[in-house]
């Protein structure tokens, strides 16, 4: 499914609740699976809302044992027309935890085939915008392509990284952008 360039990819509940539309189509609906985590998923909250941002945010306690992974799965989407992922993060503490961002692609050999990048939680008590160029994402195994993305995943527990206690993050206004 080709998604129009004006498509805005807003974090989990923001997409579903806001009901964003791109040229008359809804890229996500209330019927799509929400953000999830094991054993507990992230929470929609109005506690930390960015001025000029969405009316609520997604709170993730990324440093708590057992909550170090969150993801949003969907039917295959074509992200090949975009070149940047951007989002805002409010961190309660600058823990310098490494957060891996993965775009999930159909599996070919029984293990996750992904594009991955990471960022460091290096701000405290304020909103910071993170911008990740899609061409800077590394391939892990053999992802099918940017035209076949089936989810986005955030984790603190990959490639030898571990959750850092006290890493509580609030996400807002996540979107795919065409910056060229």
C-alpha atoms as a PDB file:
ATOM      1  CA  UNK A   1       0.000   0.000   0.000  1.00  0.00           C
ATOM      2  CA  UNK A   2       1.579   3.301  -1.107  1.00  0.00           C
ATOM      3  CA  UNK A   3       1.125   6.043   1.501  1.00  0.00           C
ATOM      4  CA  UNK A   4       0.875   9.642   0.241  1.00  0.00           C
ATOM      5  CA  UNK A   5       3.859  11.928   0.981  1.00  0.00           C
ATOM      6  CA  UNK A   6       1.695  14.047   3.280  1.00  0.00           C
ATOM      7  CA  UNK A   7       1.262  11.072   5.608  1.00  0.00           C
ATOM      8  CA  UNK A   8       1.945  11.965   9.213  1.00  0.00           C
ATOM      9  CA  UNK A   9       3.031   9.133  11.495  1.00  0.00           C
ATOM     10  CA  UNK A  10       2.061  10.167  15.007  1.00  0.00           C
ATOM     11  CA  UNK A  11       2.926   8.029  18.017  1.00  0.00           C
ATOM     12  CA  UNK A  12       0.450   5.216  18.692  1.00  0.00           C
ATOM     13  CA  UNK A  13      -2.608   6.615  20.321  1.00  0.00           C
ATOM     14  CA  UNK A  14      -2.035  10.002  18.763  1.00  0.00           C
ATOM     15  CA  UNK A  15      -2.584   8.421  15.378  1.00  0.00           C
ATOM     16  CA  UNK A  16      -5.665   6.458  16.359  1.00  0.00           C
ATOM     17  CA  UNK A  17      -7.354   9.068  18.513  1.00  0.00           C
ATOM     18  CA  UNK A  18      -6.546  12.087  16.397  1.00  0.00           C
ATOM     19  CA  UNK A  19      -7.717  10.149  13.331  1.00  0.00           C
ATOM     20  CA  UNK A  20      -5.184  11.815  11.071  1.00  0.00           C
ATOM     21  CA  UNK A  21      -5.980  11.730   7.397  1.00  0.00           C
ATOM     22  CA  UNK A  22      -3.673  11.933   4.416  1.00  0.00           C
ATOM     23  CA  UNK A  23      -5.391  12.968   1.202  1.00  0.00           C
ATOM     24  CA  UNK A  24      -8.709  11.419   2.237  1.00  0.00           C
ATOM     25  CA  UNK A  25      -7.329   8.180   3.663  1.00  0.00           C
ATOM     26  CA  UNK A  26      -6.692   7.221   7.271  1.00  0.00           C
ATOM     27  CA  UNK A  27      -3.300   5.477   7.483  1.00  0.00           C
ATOM     28  CA  UNK A  28      -4.291   4.149  10.907  1.00  0.00           C
ATOM     29  CA  UNK A  29      -7.698   3.594  12.463  1.00  0.00           C
ATOM     30  CA  UNK A  30      -9.184   2.668  15.822  1.00  0.00           C
ATOM     31  CA  UNK A  31      -9.054  -0.945  14.619  1.00  0.00           C
ATOM     32  CA  UNK A  32      -5.268  -0.999  14.341  1.00  0.00           C
ATOM     33  CA  UNK A  33      -3.433  -2.602  17.228  1.00  0.00           C
ATOM     34  CA  UNK A  34      -2.221  -0.030  19.782  1.00  0.00           C
ATOM     35  CA  UNK A  35       1.259   0.470  21.132  1.00  0.00           C
ATOM     36  CA  UNK A  36       2.171  -2.470  23.302  1.00  0.00           C
ATOM     37  CA  UNK A  37       4.892  -3.550  25.654  1.00  0.00           C
ATOM     38  CA  UNK A  38       5.576  -6.607  27.768  1.00  0.00           C
ATOM     39  CA  UNK A  39       4.376  -7.013  30.439  1.00  0.00           C
ATOM     40  CA  UNK A  40       3.037  -3.447  30.442  1.00  0.00           C
ATOM     41  CA  UNK A  41       2.571  -1.132  27.521  1.00  0.00           C
ATOM     42  CA  UNK A  42       3.209   2.601  27.424  1.00  0.00           C
ATOM     43  CA  UNK A  43       0.465   4.875  28.740  1.00  0.00           C
ATOM     44  CA  UNK A  44      -1.380   7.702  27.053  1.00  0.00           C
ATOM     45  CA  UNK A  45      -1.145  10.757  29.318  1.00  0.00           C
ATOM     46  CA  UNK A  46      -1.908  14.453  29.436  1.00  0.00           C
ATOM     47  CA  UNK A  47       0.651  15.091  32.218  1.00  0.00           C
ATOM     48  CA  UNK A  48       3.448  16.240  29.931  1.00  0.00           C
ATOM     49  CA  UNK A  49       2.117  17.962  26.838  1.00  0.00           C
ATOM     50  CA  UNK A  50       4.417  19.909  24.531  1.00  0.00           C
ATOM     51  CA  UNK A  51       3.344  23.493  23.706  1.00  0.00           C
ATOM     52  CA  UNK A  52       2.088  23.432  20.148  1.00  0.00           C
ATOM     53  CA  UNK A  53       2.127  19.625  20.111  1.00  0.00           C
ATOM     54  CA  UNK A  54      -0.498  16.922  20.312  1.00  0.00           C
ATOM     55  CA  UNK A  55      -3.084  17.041  23.145  1.00  0.00           C
ATOM     56  CA  UNK A  56      -1.490  14.068  24.892  1.00  0.00           C
ATOM     57  CA  UNK A  57       1.726  12.051  24.921  1.00  0.00           C
ATOM     58  CA  UNK A  58       2.881   8.473  25.249  1.00  0.00           C
ATOM     59  CA  UNK A  59       4.685   7.754  28.547  1.00  0.00           C
ATOM     60  CA  UNK A  60       7.260   4.943  28.565  1.00  0.00           C
ATOM     61  CA  UNK A  61       9.141   3.838  31.671  1.00  0.00           C
ATOM     62  CA  UNK A  62      12.099   2.572  29.652  1.00  0.00           C
ATOM     63  CA  UNK A  63      14.331   1.915  32.656  1.00  0.00           C
ATOM     64  CA  UNK A  64      11.992  -0.371  34.532  1.00  0.00           C
ATOM     65  CA  UNK A  65      12.722  -4.110  34.279  1.00  0.00           C
ATOM     66  CA  UNK A  66      10.258  -5.790  31.936  1.00  0.00           C
ATOM     67  CA  UNK A  67       9.155  -2.580  30.227  1.00  0.00           C
ATOM     68  CA  UNK A  68      12.195  -2.035  28.053  1.00  0.00           C
ATOM     69  CA  UNK A  69      10.412  -2.730  24.742  1.00  0.00           C
ATOM     70  CA  UNK A  70       7.468  -0.997  23.105  1.00  0.00           C
ATOM     71  CA  UNK A  71       6.188  -1.406  19.586  1.00  0.00           C
ATOM     72  CA  UNK A  72       3.381  -0.583  17.226  1.00  0.00           C
ATOM     73  CA  UNK A  73       2.528  -3.213  14.604  1.00  0.00           C
ATOM     74  CA  UNK A  74       0.440  -2.644  11.512  1.00  0.00           C
ATOM     75  CA  UNK A  75      -0.217  -4.103   8.095  1.00  0.00           C
ATOM     76  CA  UNK A  76       2.614  -3.537   5.634  1.00  0.00           C
ATOM     77  CA  UNK A  77       3.158   0.130   4.788  1.00  0.00           C
ATOM     78  CA  UNK A  78       5.315   1.771   2.131  1.00  0.00           C
ATOM     79  CA  UNK A  79       7.724   4.250   3.758  1.00  0.00           C
ATOM     80  CA  UNK A  80      10.072   4.446   0.752  1.00  0.00           C
ATOM     81  CA  UNK A  81       8.883   7.959  -0.119  1.00  0.00           C
ATOM     82  CA  UNK A  82      10.171   9.426   3.153  1.00  0.00           C
ATOM     83  CA  UNK A  83      13.667  10.258   4.294  1.00  0.00           C
ATOM     84  CA  UNK A  84      13.368  11.305   7.950  1.00  0.00           C
ATOM     85  CA  UNK A  85      11.746  10.129  11.173  1.00  0.00           C
ATOM     86  CA  UNK A  86      11.263  12.911  13.704  1.00  0.00           C
ATOM     87  CA  UNK A  87       9.756  12.940  17.172  1.00  0.00           C
ATOM     88  CA  UNK A  88       9.821  14.921  20.392  1.00  0.00           C
ATOM     89  CA  UNK A  89      10.931  13.390  23.704  1.00  0.00           C
ATOM     90  CA  UNK A  90      10.641  14.749  27.223  1.00  0.00           C
ATOM     91  CA  UNK A  91      12.967  12.966  29.659  1.00  0.00           C
ATOM     92  CA  UNK A  92      12.500  13.286  33.401  1.00  0.00           C
ATOM     93  CA  UNK A  93      16.242  12.642  33.870  1.00  0.00           C
ATOM     94  CA  UNK A  94      19.244  12.723  31.547  1.00  0.00           C
ATOM     95  CA  UNK A  95      20.204   9.073  32.074  1.00  0.00           C
ATOM     96  CA  UNK A  96      22.208   8.816  28.833  1.00  0.00           C
ATOM     97  CA  UNK A  97      20.421   5.528  28.146  1.00  0.00           C
ATOM     98  CA  UNK A  98      20.709   4.308  24.561  1.00  0.00           C
ATOM     99  CA  UNK A  99      17.323   3.850  22.913  1.00  0.00           C
ATOM    100  CA  UNK A 100      17.220   1.743  19.765  1.00  0.00           C
ATOM    101  CA  UNK A 101      14.608   2.575  17.128  1.00  0.00           C
ATOM    102  CA  UNK A 102      13.714  -0.261  14.772  1.00  0.00           C
ATOM    103  CA  UNK A 103      11.524  -0.359  11.692  1.00  0.00           C
ATOM    104  CA  UNK A 104      10.317  -3.941  11.348  1.00  0.00           C
ATOM    105  CA  UNK A 105      10.245  -5.606   7.939  1.00  0.00           C
ATOM    106  CA  UNK A 106       8.793  -9.010   6.993  1.00  0.00           C
ATOM    107  CA  UNK A 107      10.848 -11.864   8.392  1.00  0.00           C
ATOM    108  CA  UNK A 108      12.707 -14.079   5.954  1.00  0.00           C
ATOM    109  CA  UNK A 109      14.562 -16.464   8.254  1.00  0.00           C
ATOM    110  CA  UNK A 110      12.447 -16.645  11.412  1.00  0.00           C
ATOM    111  CA  UNK A 111      14.157 -13.727  13.139  1.00  0.00           C
ATOM    112  CA  UNK A 112      13.468 -10.005  13.098  1.00  0.00           C
ATOM    113  CA  UNK A 113      14.630  -8.283   9.933  1.00  0.00           C
ATOM    114  CA  UNK A 114      14.884  -4.597  10.753  1.00  0.00           C
ATOM    115  CA  UNK A 115      16.331  -1.198  10.002  1.00  0.00           C
ATOM    116  CA  UNK A 116      17.805   0.209  13.218  1.00  0.00           C
ATOM    117  CA  UNK A 117      19.211   3.432  14.639  1.00  0.00           C
ATOM    118  CA  UNK A 118      19.588   4.807  18.132  1.00  0.00           C
ATOM    119  CA  UNK A 119      19.592   7.958  20.199  1.00  0.00           C
ATOM    120  CA  UNK A 120      20.782   8.879  23.678  1.00  0.00           C
ATOM    121  CA  UNK A 121      18.600  10.299  26.444  1.00  0.00           C
ATOM    122  CA  UNK A 122      20.772  13.352  27.056  1.00  0.00           C
ATOM    123  CA  UNK A 123      18.296  16.063  28.071  1.00  0.00           C
ATOM    124  CA  UNK A 124      16.452  16.558  31.338  1.00  0.00           C
ATOM    125  CA  UNK A 125      13.178  18.268  32.151  1.00  0.00           C
ATOM    126  CA  UNK A 126      12.586  19.727  28.696  1.00  0.00           C
ATOM    127  CA  UNK A 127      11.355  18.692  25.277  1.00  0.00           C
ATOM    128  CA  UNK A 128      13.992  17.755  22.686  1.00  0.00           C
ATOM    129  CA  UNK A 129      13.383  17.026  19.015  1.00  0.00           C
ATOM    130  CA  UNK A 130      15.117  13.989  17.555  1.00  0.00           C
ATOM    131  CA  UNK A 131      15.513  13.704  13.791  1.00  0.00           C
ATOM    132  CA  UNK A 132      16.798  10.449  12.311  1.00  0.00           C
ATOM    133  CA  UNK A 133      17.560  10.197   8.596  1.00  0.00           C
ATOM    134  CA  UNK A 134      16.172   6.909   7.276  1.00  0.00           C
ATOM    135  CA  UNK A 135      19.337   6.352   5.232  1.00  0.00           C
ATOM    136  CA  UNK A 136      21.307   6.340   8.509  1.00  0.00           C
ATOM    137  CA  UNK A 137      19.390   3.288   9.782  1.00  0.00           C
ATOM    138  CA  UNK A 138      21.528   0.142   9.708  1.00  0.00           C
ATOM    139  CA  UNK A 139      20.225  -3.122   8.245  1.00  0.00           C
ATOM    140  CA  UNK A 140      19.980  -6.048  10.631  1.00  0.00           C
ATOM    141  CA  UNK A 141      19.673  -9.368   8.819  1.00  0.00           C
ATOM    142  CA  UNK A 142      17.769  -8.954   5.547  1.00  0.00           C
ATOM    143  CA  UNK A 143      14.859  -6.470   5.708  1.00  0.00           C
ATOM    144  CA  UNK A 144      12.522  -6.659   2.707  1.00  0.00           C
ATOM    145  CA  UNK A 145      12.723  -2.912   2.013  1.00  0.00           C
ATOM    146  CA  UNK A 146      11.372   0.456   3.101  1.00  0.00           C
ATOM    147  CA  UNK A 147       8.305  -0.303   1.005  1.00  0.00           C
ATOM    148  CA  UNK A 148       7.401  -3.207   3.342  1.00  0.00           C
ATOM    149  CA  UNK A 149       7.409  -1.917   6.936  1.00  0.00           C
ATOM    150  CA  UNK A 150       5.165  -3.728   9.419  1.00  0.00           C
ATOM    151  CA  UNK A 151       5.957  -1.905  12.662  1.00  0.00           C
ATOM    152  CA  UNK A 152       8.107   0.429  14.682  1.00  0.00           C
ATOM    153  CA  UNK A 153       9.851  -0.676  17.866  1.00  0.00           C
ATOM    154  CA  UNK A 154      11.732   1.127  20.644  1.00  0.00           C
ATOM    155  CA  UNK A 155      13.979  -0.830  23.006  1.00  0.00           C
ATOM    156  CA  UNK A 156      16.690  -0.337  25.610  1.00  0.00           C
ATOM    157  CA  UNK A 157      17.812  -3.955  25.485  1.00  0.00           C
ATOM    158  CA  UNK A 158      19.598  -4.735  22.203  1.00  0.00           C
ATOM    159  CA  UNK A 159      23.219  -5.247  21.138  1.00  0.00           C
ATOM    160  CA  UNK A 160      24.525  -5.315  24.694  1.00  0.00           C
ATOM    161  CA  UNK A 161      22.596  -2.265  25.861  1.00  0.00           C
ATOM    162  CA  UNK A 162      20.588  -2.516  29.055  1.00  0.00           C
ATOM    163  CA  UNK A 163      17.776  -0.459  30.567  1.00  0.00           C
ATOM    164  CA  UNK A 164      18.987   2.429  32.736  1.00  0.00           C
ATOM    165  CA  UNK A 165      16.961   2.921  35.900  1.00  0.00           C
ATOM    166  CA  UNK A 166      15.096   6.224  35.970  1.00  0.00           C
ATOM    167  CA  UNK A 167      14.669   6.503  32.192  1.00  0.00           C
ATOM    168  CA  UNK A 168      11.102   7.791  31.864  1.00  0.00           C
ATOM    169  CA  UNK A 169      10.252   9.217  28.447  1.00  0.00           C
ATOM    170  CA  UNK A 170       7.261  11.043  26.996  1.00  0.00           C
ATOM    171  CA  UNK A 171       6.887  10.909  23.195  1.00  0.00           C
ATOM    172  CA  UNK A 172       5.001  13.456  21.100  1.00  0.00           C
ATOM    173  CA  UNK A 173       4.477  14.305  17.444  1.00  0.00           C
ATOM    174  CA  UNK A 174       6.256  11.420  15.762  1.00  0.00           C
ATOM    175  CA  UNK A 175       6.197  11.692  12.005  1.00  0.00           C
ATOM    176  CA  UNK A 176       7.811  10.578   8.802  1.00  0.00           C
ATOM    177  CA  UNK A 177       8.981  13.507   6.723  1.00  0.00           C
ATOM    178  CA  UNK A 178      10.176  14.257   3.242  1.00  0.00           C
ATOM    179  CA  UNK A 179      12.901  16.839   3.775  1.00  0.00           C
ATOM    180  CA  UNK A 180      14.340  16.953   0.256  1.00  0.00           C
END
